[in-house]
Amino acid sequence: MAVTQENFIVTVMSATADAITGPIKVNFLLWHSKVAAADHDLLVSDADGNVLWSDTADAARYKNFCPLKNQVNGITVTTMDSGELYIYKIKEMPGQV
């Protein structure tokens, strides 16, 4: 089966204080770290300071995801001890409201 339409736009954040401003529709977040230690933390907030996701790695080479399926008012990486945060945004389709 061929894929003819991408439904997501992926943004990668790799440092604390990385941010996206304005309202965005997010399907899910993925935190991936090849060098995580058992106490590495991730904290992701919206522009108003509300926590969208908080996680602590439990092993090296850590990977976890958080389904949001929601519109949020910006995203800021408040804390990220290692790795990268992948933000899977929902792509607006023509005629979508």
PDB file of N, CA and C in Angstrom:
ATOM      1  N   MET A   1       0.847  -1.179   0.000  1.00  0.00           N
ATOM      2  CA  MET A   1       0.000   0.000   0.000  1.00  0.00           C
ATOM      3  C   MET A   1       0.883   1.230   0.000  1.00  0.00           C
ATOM      4  N   ALA A   2       0.623   2.155  -0.876  1.00  0.00           N
ATOM      5  CA  ALA A   2       1.409   3.379  -0.976  1.00  0.00           C
ATOM      6  C   ALA A   2       0.793   4.473  -0.115  1.00  0.00           C
ATOM      7  N   VAL A   3       1.647   5.252   0.526  1.00  0.00           N
ATOM      8  CA  VAL A   3       1.182   6.396   1.303  1.00  0.00           C
ATOM      9  C   VAL A   3       1.182   7.614   0.390  1.00  0.00           C
ATOM     10  N   THR A   4       0.022   8.224   0.231  1.00  0.00           N
ATOM     11  CA  THR A   4      -0.073   9.362  -0.677  1.00  0.00           C
ATOM     12  C   THR A   4      -0.276  10.680   0.053  1.00  0.00           C
ATOM     13  N   GLN A   5      -0.581  10.645   1.353  1.00  0.00           N
ATOM     14  CA  GLN A   5      -0.831  11.880   2.098  1.00  0.00           C
ATOM     15  C   GLN A   5      -0.206  11.783   3.477  1.00  0.00           C
ATOM     16  N   GLU A   6       0.670  12.722   3.803  1.00  0.00           N
ATOM     17  CA  GLU A   6       1.221  12.797   5.149  1.00  0.00           C
ATOM     18  C   GLU A   6       0.221  13.526   6.030  1.00  0.00           C
ATOM     19  N   ASN A   7      -0.103  12.962   7.183  1.00  0.00           N
ATOM     20  CA  ASN A   7      -1.060  13.591   8.089  1.00  0.00           C
ATOM     21  C   ASN A   7      -0.391  14.372   9.204  1.00  0.00           C
ATOM     22  N   PHE A   8       0.924  14.241   9.339  1.00  0.00           N
ATOM     23  CA  PHE A   8       1.615  14.901  10.434  1.00  0.00           C
ATOM     24  C   PHE A   8       2.784  15.729   9.921  1.00  0.00           C
ATOM     25  N   ILE A   9       3.102  16.758  10.684  1.00  0.00           N
ATOM     26  CA  ILE A   9       4.316  17.540  10.486  1.00  0.00           C
ATOM     27  C   ILE A   9       5.119  17.338  11.768  1.00  0.00           C
ATOM     28  N   VAL A  10       6.374  16.958  11.647  1.00  0.00           N
ATOM     29  CA  VAL A  10       7.193  16.664  12.814  1.00  0.00           C
ATOM     30  C   VAL A  10       8.183  17.806  13.045  1.00  0.00           C
ATOM     31  N   THR A  11       8.210  18.297  14.271  1.00  0.00           N
ATOM     32  CA  THR A  11       9.187  19.288  14.696  1.00  0.00           C
ATOM     33  C   THR A  11      10.057  18.634  15.759  1.00  0.00           C
ATOM     34  N   VAL A  12      11.367  18.834  15.669  1.00  0.00           N
ATOM     35  CA  VAL A  12      12.297  18.244  16.624  1.00  0.00           C
ATOM     36  C   VAL A  12      12.895  19.352  17.487  1.00  0.00           C
ATOM     37  N   MET A  13      12.832  19.164  18.794  1.00  0.00           N
ATOM     38  CA  MET A  13      13.453  20.089  19.744  1.00  0.00           C
ATOM     39  C   MET A  13      14.562  19.350  20.459  1.00  0.00           C
ATOM     40  N   SER A  14      15.704  20.012  20.614  1.00  0.00           N
ATOM     41  CA  SER A  14      16.849  19.306  21.177  1.00  0.00           C
ATOM     42  C   SER A  14      17.494  20.015  22.358  1.00  0.00           C
ATOM     43  N   ALA A  15      16.890  21.076  22.875  1.00  0.00           N
ATOM     44  CA  ALA A  15      17.496  21.796  23.987  1.00  0.00           C
ATOM     45  C   ALA A  15      16.424  22.402  24.888  1.00  0.00           C
ATOM     46  N   THR A  16      16.755  22.532  26.173  1.00  0.00           N
ATOM     47  CA  THR A  16      15.881  23.227  27.095  1.00  0.00           C
ATOM     48  C   THR A  16      15.684  24.650  26.588  1.00  0.00           C
ATOM     49  N   ALA A  17      14.475  25.143  26.693  1.00  0.00           N
ATOM     50  CA  ALA A  17      14.052  26.476  26.261  1.00  0.00           C
ATOM     51  C   ALA A  17      13.671  26.534  24.787  1.00  0.00           C
ATOM     52  N   ASP A  18      13.825  25.454  24.025  1.00  0.00           N
ATOM     53  CA  ASP A  18      13.281  25.433  22.668  1.00  0.00           C
ATOM     54  C   ASP A  18      11.767  25.629  22.771  1.00  0.00           C
ATOM     55  N   ALA A  19      11.188  26.355  21.811  1.00  0.00           N
ATOM     56  CA  ALA A  19       9.766  26.654  21.914  1.00  0.00           C
ATOM     57  C   ALA A  19       9.114  26.801  20.542  1.00  0.00           C
ATOM     58  N   ILE A  20       7.822  26.536  20.513  1.00  0.00           N
ATOM     59  CA  ILE A  20       6.955  26.836  19.382  1.00  0.00           C
ATOM     60  C   ILE A  20       5.898  27.788  19.941  1.00  0.00           C
ATOM     61  N   THR A  21       5.671  28.895  19.270  1.00  0.00           N
ATOM     62  CA  THR A  21       4.690  29.856  19.765  1.00  0.00           C
ATOM     63  C   THR A  21       3.380  29.743  18.996  1.00  0.00           C
ATOM     64  N   GLY A  22       2.314  30.212  19.625  1.00  0.00           N
ATOM     65  CA  GLY A  22       1.007  30.230  18.991  1.00  0.00           C
ATOM     66  C   GLY A  22       0.284  28.912  19.104  1.00  0.00           C
ATOM     67  N   PRO A  23      -0.982  28.908  18.752  1.00  0.00           N
ATOM     68  CA  PRO A  23      -1.779  27.681  18.842  1.00  0.00           C
ATOM     69  C   PRO A  23      -1.365  26.658  17.784  1.00  0.00           C
ATOM     70  N   ILE A  24      -1.226  25.415  18.214  1.00  0.00           N
ATOM     71  CA  ILE A  24      -0.913  24.315  17.296  1.00  0.00           C
ATOM     72  C   ILE A  24      -1.724  23.091  17.702  1.00  0.00           C
ATOM     73  N   LYS A  25      -2.049  22.270  16.726  1.00  0.00           N
ATOM     74  CA  LYS A  25      -2.745  21.007  16.985  1.00  0.00           C
ATOM     75  C   LYS A  25      -1.694  19.909  17.072  1.00  0.00           C
ATOM     76  N   VAL A  26      -1.656  19.227  18.209  1.00  0.00           N
ATOM     77  CA  VAL A  26      -0.642  18.201  18.457  1.00  0.00           C
ATOM     78  C   VAL A  26      -1.318  16.844  18.583  1.00  0.00           C
ATOM     79  N   ASN A  27      -0.780  15.864  17.862  1.00  0.00           N
ATOM     80  CA  ASN A  27      -1.268  14.496  17.992  1.00  0.00           C
ATOM     81  C   ASN A  27      -0.562  13.798  19.151  1.00  0.00           C
ATOM     82  N   PHE A  28       0.780  13.812  19.124  1.00  0.00           N
ATOM     83  CA  PHE A  28       1.509  13.233  20.242  1.00  0.00           C
ATOM     84  C   PHE A  28       2.937  13.766  20.297  1.00  0.00           C
ATOM     85  N   LEU A  29       3.562  13.561  21.463  1.00  0.00           N
ATOM     86  CA  LEU A  29       4.960  13.921  21.706  1.00  0.00           C
ATOM     87  C   LEU A  29       5.753  12.640  21.897  1.00  0.00           C
ATOM     88  N   LEU A  30       6.985  12.636  21.428  1.00  0.00           N
ATOM     89  CA  LEU A  30       7.873  11.484  21.590  1.00  0.00           C
ATOM     90  C   LEU A  30       9.213  11.980  22.110  1.00  0.00           C
ATOM     91  N   TRP A  31       9.666  11.427  23.230  1.00  0.00           N
ATOM     92  CA  TRP A  31      10.980  11.750  23.789  1.00  0.00           C
ATOM     93  C   TRP A  31      11.885  10.565  23.534  1.00  0.00           C
ATOM     94  N   HIS A  32      13.009  10.810  22.873  1.00  0.00           N
ATOM     95  CA  HIS A  32      13.958   9.747  22.566  1.00  0.00           C
ATOM     96  C   HIS A  32      15.351  10.199  22.962  1.00  0.00           C
ATOM     97  N   SER A  33      16.024   9.380  23.767  1.00  0.00           N
ATOM     98  CA  SER A  33      17.384   9.686  24.192  1.00  0.00           C
ATOM     99  C   SER A  33      18.244   8.435  24.121  1.00  0.00           C
ATOM    100  N   LYS A  34      19.312   8.517  23.343  1.00  0.00           N
ATOM    101  CA  LYS A  34      20.254   7.398  23.229  1.00  0.00           C
ATOM    102  C   LYS A  34      21.228   7.370  24.398  1.00  0.00           C
ATOM    103  N   VAL A  35      21.301   8.471  25.167  1.00  0.00           N
ATOM    104  CA  VAL A  35      22.285   8.563  26.253  1.00  0.00           C
ATOM    105  C   VAL A  35      21.634   8.810  27.609  1.00  0.00           C
ATOM    106  N   ALA A  36      20.343   8.557  27.732  1.00  0.00           N
ATOM    107  CA  ALA A  36      19.647   8.826  28.990  1.00  0.00           C
ATOM    108  C   ALA A  36      20.197   7.980  30.123  1.00  0.00           C
ATOM    109  N   ALA A  37      20.156   8.560  31.300  1.00  0.00           N
ATOM    110  CA  ALA A  37      20.442   7.835  32.537  1.00  0.00           C
ATOM    111  C   ALA A  37      19.100   7.679  33.264  1.00  0.00           C
ATOM    112  N   ALA A  38      19.110   6.869  34.290  1.00  0.00           N
ATOM    113  CA  ALA A  38      17.862   6.540  34.981  1.00  0.00           C
ATOM    114  C   ALA A  38      17.203   7.728  35.676  1.00  0.00           C
ATOM    115  N   ASP A  39      17.877   8.863  35.770  1.00  0.00           N
ATOM    116  CA  ASP A  39      17.266  10.005  36.444  1.00  0.00           C
ATOM    117  C   ASP A  39      17.099  11.217  35.528  1.00  0.00           C
ATOM    118  N   HIS A  40      17.212  11.046  34.229  1.00  0.00           N
ATOM    119  CA  HIS A  40      17.045  12.166  33.308  1.00  0.00           C
ATOM    120  C   HIS A  40      15.566  12.541  33.215  1.00  0.00           C
ATOM    121  N   ASP A  41      15.307  13.847  33.204  1.00  0.00           N
ATOM    122  CA  ASP A  41      13.940  14.353  33.236  1.00  0.00           C
ATOM    123  C   ASP A  41      13.575  15.105  31.970  1.00  0.00           C
ATOM    124  N   LEU A  42      12.271  15.136  31.698  1.00  0.00           N
ATOM    125  CA  LEU A  42      11.689  15.937  30.638  1.00  0.00           C
ATOM    126  C   LEU A  42      10.461  16.629  31.210  1.00  0.00           C
ATOM    127  N   LEU A  43      10.342  17.927  30.940  1.00  0.00           N
ATOM    128  CA  LEU A  43       9.164  18.689  31.325  1.00  0.00           C
ATOM    129  C   LEU A  43       8.804  19.583  30.154  1.00  0.00           C
ATOM    130  N   VAL A  44       7.572  19.433  29.671  1.00  0.00           N
ATOM    131  CA  VAL A  44       7.077  20.191  28.516  1.00  0.00           C
ATOM    132  C   VAL A  44       5.856  20.971  28.979  1.00  0.00           C
ATOM    133  N   SER A  45       5.851  22.278  28.676  1.00  0.00           N
ATOM    134  CA  SER A  45       4.760  23.158  29.100  1.00  0.00           C
ATOM    135  C   SER A  45       4.190  23.897  27.902  1.00  0.00           C
ATOM    136  N   ASP A  46       2.995  24.475  28.107  1.00  0.00           N
ATOM    137  CA  ASP A  46       2.447  25.359  27.080  1.00  0.00           C
ATOM    138  C   ASP A  46       2.879  26.794  27.392  1.00  0.00           C
ATOM    139  N   ALA A  47       2.450  27.741  26.569  1.00  0.00           N
ATOM    140  CA  ALA A  47       2.872  29.135  26.731  1.00  0.00           C
ATOM    141  C   ALA A  47       2.373  29.754  28.034  1.00  0.00           C
ATOM    142  N   ASP A  48       1.327  29.174  28.627  1.00  0.00           N
ATOM    143  CA  ASP A  48       0.782  29.688  29.877  1.00  0.00           C
ATOM    144  C   ASP A  48       1.406  29.032  31.106  1.00  0.00           C
ATOM    145  N   GLY A  49       2.386  28.142  30.887  1.00  0.00           N
ATOM    146  CA  GLY A  49       3.055  27.475  31.995  1.00  0.00           C
ATOM    147  C   GLY A  49       2.384  26.196  32.458  1.00  0.00           C
ATOM    148  N   ASN A  50       1.320  25.773  31.791  1.00  0.00           N
ATOM    149  CA  ASN A  50       0.656  24.513  32.146  1.00  0.00           C
ATOM    150  C   ASN A  50       1.506  23.339  31.684  1.00  0.00           C
ATOM    151  N   VAL A  51       1.674  22.355  32.540  1.00  0.00           N
ATOM    152  CA  VAL A  51       2.465  21.180  32.198  1.00  0.00           C
ATOM    153  C   VAL A  51       1.669  20.309  31.225  1.00  0.00           C
ATOM    154  N   LEU A  52       2.268  20.048  30.054  1.00  0.00           N
ATOM    155  CA  LEU A  52       1.662  19.155  29.065  1.00  0.00           C
ATOM    156  C   LEU A  52       2.134  17.726  29.275  1.00  0.00           C
ATOM    157  N   TRP A  53       3.411  17.570  29.691  1.00  0.00           N
ATOM    158  CA  TRP A  53       3.974  16.246  29.892  1.00  0.00           C
ATOM    159  C   TRP A  53       5.201  16.349  30.782  1.00  0.00           C
ATOM    160  N   SER A  54       5.289  15.441  31.729  1.00  0.00           N
ATOM    161  CA  SER A  54       6.449  15.317  32.601  1.00  0.00           C
ATOM    162  C   SER A  54       6.836  13.846  32.625  1.00  0.00           C
ATOM    163  N   ASP A  55       8.130  13.555  32.460  1.00  0.00           N
ATOM    164  CA  ASP A  55       8.570  12.168  32.398  1.00  0.00           C
ATOM    165  C   ASP A  55       9.987  12.058  32.947  1.00  0.00           C
ATOM    166  N   THR A  56      10.310  10.896  33.487  1.00  0.00           N
ATOM    167  CA  THR A  56      11.661  10.599  33.967  1.00  0.00           C
ATOM    168  C   THR A  56      12.115   9.297  33.330  1.00  0.00           C
ATOM    169  N   ALA A  57      13.300   9.323  32.735  1.00  0.00           N
ATOM    170  CA  ALA A  57      13.841   8.110  32.106  1.00  0.00           C
ATOM    171  C   ALA A  57      14.117   7.060  33.174  1.00  0.00           C
ATOM    172  N   ASP A  58      13.915   5.796  32.814  1.00  0.00           N
ATOM    173  CA  ASP A  58      14.187   4.712  33.754  1.00  0.00           C
ATOM    174  C   ASP A  58      15.321   3.809  33.289  1.00  0.00           C
ATOM    175  N   ALA A  59      15.946   4.167  32.168  1.00  0.00           N
ATOM    176  CA  ALA A  59      17.048   3.353  31.648  1.00  0.00           C
ATOM    177  C   ALA A  59      17.762   4.120  30.542  1.00  0.00           C
ATOM    178  N   ALA A  60      18.906   3.600  30.166  1.00  0.00           N
ATOM    179  CA  ALA A  60      19.620   4.172  29.030  1.00  0.00           C
ATOM    180  C   ALA A  60      18.859   3.870  27.748  1.00  0.00           C
ATOM    181  N   ARG A  61      19.107   4.657  26.717  1.00  0.00           N
ATOM    182  CA  ARG A  61      18.438   4.513  25.425  1.00  0.00           C
ATOM    183  C   ARG A  61      16.931   4.566  25.608  1.00  0.00           C
ATOM    184  N   TYR A  62      16.478   5.597  26.264  1.00  0.00           N
ATOM    185  CA  TYR A  62      15.081   5.749  26.658  1.00  0.00           C
ATOM    186  C   TYR A  62      14.230   6.292  25.517  1.00  0.00           C
ATOM    187  N   LYS A  63      12.987   5.785  25.417  1.00  0.00           N
ATOM    188  CA  LYS A  63      12.017   6.289  24.443  1.00  0.00           C
ATOM    189  C   LYS A  63      10.621   6.152  25.055  1.00  0.00           C
ATOM    190  N   ASN A  64       9.855   7.235  24.999  1.00  0.00           N
ATOM    191  CA  ASN A  64       8.492   7.193  25.507  1.00  0.00           C
ATOM    192  C   ASN A  64       7.668   8.227  24.746  1.00  0.00           C
ATOM    193  N   PHE A  65       6.337   8.058  24.742  1.00  0.00           N
ATOM    194  CA  PHE A  65       5.506   9.026  24.040  1.00  0.00           C
ATOM    195  C   PHE A  65       4.300   9.408  24.879  1.00  0.00           C
ATOM    196  N   CYS A  66       3.730  10.556  24.533  1.00  0.00           N
ATOM    197  CA  CYS A  66       2.573  11.086  25.233  1.00  0.00           C
ATOM    198  C   CYS A  66       1.533  11.506  24.202  1.00  0.00           C
ATOM    199  N   PRO A  67       0.386  10.819  24.142  1.00  0.00           N
ATOM    200  CA  PRO A  67      -0.659  11.242  23.209  1.00  0.00           C
ATOM    201  C   PRO A  67      -1.347  12.504  23.745  1.00  0.00           C
ATOM    202  N   LEU A  68      -1.468  13.528  22.918  1.00  0.00           N
ATOM    203  CA  LEU A  68      -2.167  14.752  23.325  1.00  0.00           C
ATOM    204  C   LEU A  68      -3.488  14.904  22.575  1.00  0.00           C
ATOM    205  N   LYS A  69      -3.435  14.760  21.233  1.00  0.00           N
ATOM    206  CA  LYS A  69      -4.623  14.895  20.381  1.00  0.00           C
ATOM    207  C   LYS A  69      -5.435  16.113  20.782  1.00  0.00           C
ATOM    208  N   ASN A  70      -4.750  17.266  20.800  1.00  0.00           N
ATOM    209  CA  ASN A  70      -5.356  18.461  21.308  1.00  0.00           C
ATOM    210  C   ASN A  70      -4.712  19.691  20.686  1.00  0.00           C
ATOM    211  N   GLN A  71      -5.418  20.813  20.725  1.00  0.00           N
ATOM    212  CA  GLN A  71      -4.797  22.073  20.355  1.00  0.00           C
ATOM    213  C   GLN A  71      -4.211  22.689  21.615  1.00  0.00           C
ATOM    214  N   VAL A  72      -2.972  23.147  21.527  1.00  0.00           N
ATOM    215  CA  VAL A  72      -2.304  23.761  22.670  1.00  0.00           C
ATOM    216  C   VAL A  72      -1.819  25.147  22.282  1.00  0.00           C
ATOM    217  N   ASN A  73      -1.620  25.977  23.291  1.00  0.00           N
ATOM    218  CA  ASN A  73      -1.138  27.335  23.079  1.00  0.00           C
ATOM    219  C   ASN A  73       0.383  27.339  23.225  1.00  0.00           C
ATOM    220  N   GLY A  74       1.074  26.903  22.174  1.00  0.00           N
ATOM    221  CA  GLY A  74       2.529  26.859  22.193  1.00  0.00           C
ATOM    222  C   GLY A  74       3.071  25.686  22.988  1.00  0.00           C
ATOM    223  N   ILE A  75       4.344  25.388  22.755  1.00  0.00           N
ATOM    224  CA  ILE A  75       5.037  24.317  23.469  1.00  0.00           C
ATOM    225  C   ILE A  75       6.430  24.820  23.818  1.00  0.00           C
ATOM    226  N   THR A  76       6.825  24.618  25.072  1.00  0.00           N
ATOM    227  CA  THR A  76       8.168  24.975  25.521  1.00  0.00           C
ATOM    228  C   THR A  76       8.782  23.787  26.231  1.00  0.00           C
ATOM    229  N   VAL A  77      10.022  23.469  25.880  1.00  0.00           N
ATOM    230  CA  VAL A  77      10.772  22.446  26.610  1.00  0.00           C
ATOM    231  C   VAL A  77      11.329  23.131  27.845  1.00  0.00           C
ATOM    232  N   THR A  78      10.686  22.881  28.981  1.00  0.00           N
ATOM    233  CA  THR A  78      11.089  23.513  30.235  1.00  0.00           C
ATOM    234  C   THR A  78      12.336  22.837  30.801  1.00  0.00           C
ATOM    235  N   THR A  79      12.392  21.512  30.712  1.00  0.00           N
ATOM    236  CA  THR A  79      13.549  20.729  31.162  1.00  0.00           C
ATOM    237  C   THR A  79      13.714  19.547  30.224  1.00  0.00           C
ATOM    238  N   MET A  80      14.950  19.304  29.766  1.00  0.00           N
ATOM    239  CA  MET A  80      15.252  18.088  29.009  1.00  0.00           C
ATOM    240  C   MET A  80      16.725  17.772  29.255  1.00  0.00           C
ATOM    241  N   ASP A  81      16.963  16.747  30.071  1.00  0.00           N
ATOM    242  CA  ASP A  81      18.332  16.401  30.461  1.00  0.00           C
ATOM    243  C   ASP A  81      19.121  15.735  29.343  1.00  0.00           C
ATOM    244  N   SER A  82      18.452  15.108  28.405  1.00  0.00           N
ATOM    245  CA  SER A  82      19.137  14.485  27.266  1.00  0.00           C
ATOM    246  C   SER A  82      18.125  14.175  26.180  1.00  0.00           C
ATOM    247  N   GLY A  83      18.638  13.923  24.992  1.00  0.00           N
ATOM    248  CA  GLY A  83      17.796  13.463  23.900  1.00  0.00           C
ATOM    249  C   GLY A  83      17.120  14.555  23.110  1.00  0.00           C
ATOM    250  N   GLU A  84      16.062  14.147  22.421  1.00  0.00           N
ATOM    251  CA  GLU A  84      15.301  15.035  21.558  1.00  0.00           C
ATOM    252  C   GLU A  84      13.812  14.810  21.782  1.00  0.00           C
ATOM    253  N   LEU A  85      13.044  15.883  21.622  1.00  0.00           N
ATOM    254  CA  LEU A  85      11.596  15.806  21.710  1.00  0.00           C
ATOM    255  C   LEU A  85      11.042  15.965  20.304  1.00  0.00           C
ATOM    256  N   TYR A  86      10.264  14.991  19.867  1.00  0.00           N
ATOM    257  CA  TYR A  86       9.624  15.027  18.556  1.00  0.00           C
ATOM    258  C   TYR A  86       8.161  15.417  18.770  1.00  0.00           C
ATOM    259  N   ILE A  87       7.732  16.463  18.096  1.00  0.00           N
ATOM    260  CA  ILE A  87       6.360  16.942  18.216  1.00  0.00           C
ATOM    261  C   ILE A  87       5.641  16.616  16.912  1.00  0.00           C
ATOM    262  N   TYR A  88       4.664  15.735  16.994  1.00  0.00           N
ATOM    263  CA  TYR A  88       3.895  15.331  15.816  1.00  0.00           C
ATOM    264  C   TYR A  88       2.647  16.204  15.753  1.00  0.00           C
ATOM    265  N   LYS A  89       2.711  17.223  14.899  1.00  0.00           N
ATOM    266  CA  LYS A  89       1.594  18.154  14.743  1.00  0.00           C
ATOM    267  C   LYS A  89       0.639  17.637  13.683  1.00  0.00           C
ATOM    268  N   ILE A  90      -0.634  17.882  13.892  1.00  0.00           N
ATOM    269  CA  ILE A  90      -1.642  17.470  12.931  1.00  0.00           C
ATOM    270  C   ILE A  90      -1.645  18.469  11.785  1.00  0.00           C
ATOM    271  N   LYS A  91      -1.507  17.962  10.585  1.00  0.00           N
ATOM    272  CA  LYS A  91      -1.469  18.802   9.393  1.00  0.00           C
ATOM    273  C   LYS A  91      -2.880  19.247   9.046  1.00  0.00           C
ATOM    274  N   GLU A  92      -3.035  20.543   8.823  1.00  0.00           N
ATOM    275  CA  GLU A  92      -4.330  21.081   8.407  1.00  0.00           C
ATOM    276  C   GLU A  92      -4.587  20.661   6.960  1.00  0.00           C
ATOM    277  N   MET A  93      -5.729  20.100   6.715  1.00  0.00           N
ATOM    278  CA  MET A  93      -6.104  19.681   5.369  1.00  0.00           C
ATOM    279  C   MET A  93      -6.993  20.764   4.743  1.00  0.00           C
ATOM    280  N   PRO A  94      -6.949  20.932   3.437  1.00  0.00           N
ATOM    281  CA  PRO A  94      -7.810  21.917   2.786  1.00  0.00           C
ATOM    282  C   PRO A  94      -9.274  21.655   3.128  1.00  0.00           C
ATOM    283  N   GLY A  95      -9.982  22.721   3.507  1.00  0.00           N
ATOM    284  CA  GLY A  95     -11.385  22.591   3.845  1.00  0.00           C
ATOM    285  C   GLY A  95     -11.647  22.197   5.286  1.00  0.00           C
ATOM    286  N   GLN A  96     -10.576  21.932   6.092  1.00  0.00           N
ATOM    287  CA  GLN A  96     -10.735  21.562   7.481  1.00  0.00           C
ATOM    288  C   GLN A  96     -11.076  22.795   8.300  1.00  0.00           C
ATOM    289  N   VAL A  97     -11.901  22.607   9.305  1.00  0.00           N
ATOM    290  CA  VAL A  97     -12.254  23.718  10.193  1.00  0.00           C
ATOM    291  C   VAL A  97     -11.676  23.447  11.548  1.00  0.00           C
TER     292      VAL A  97
END
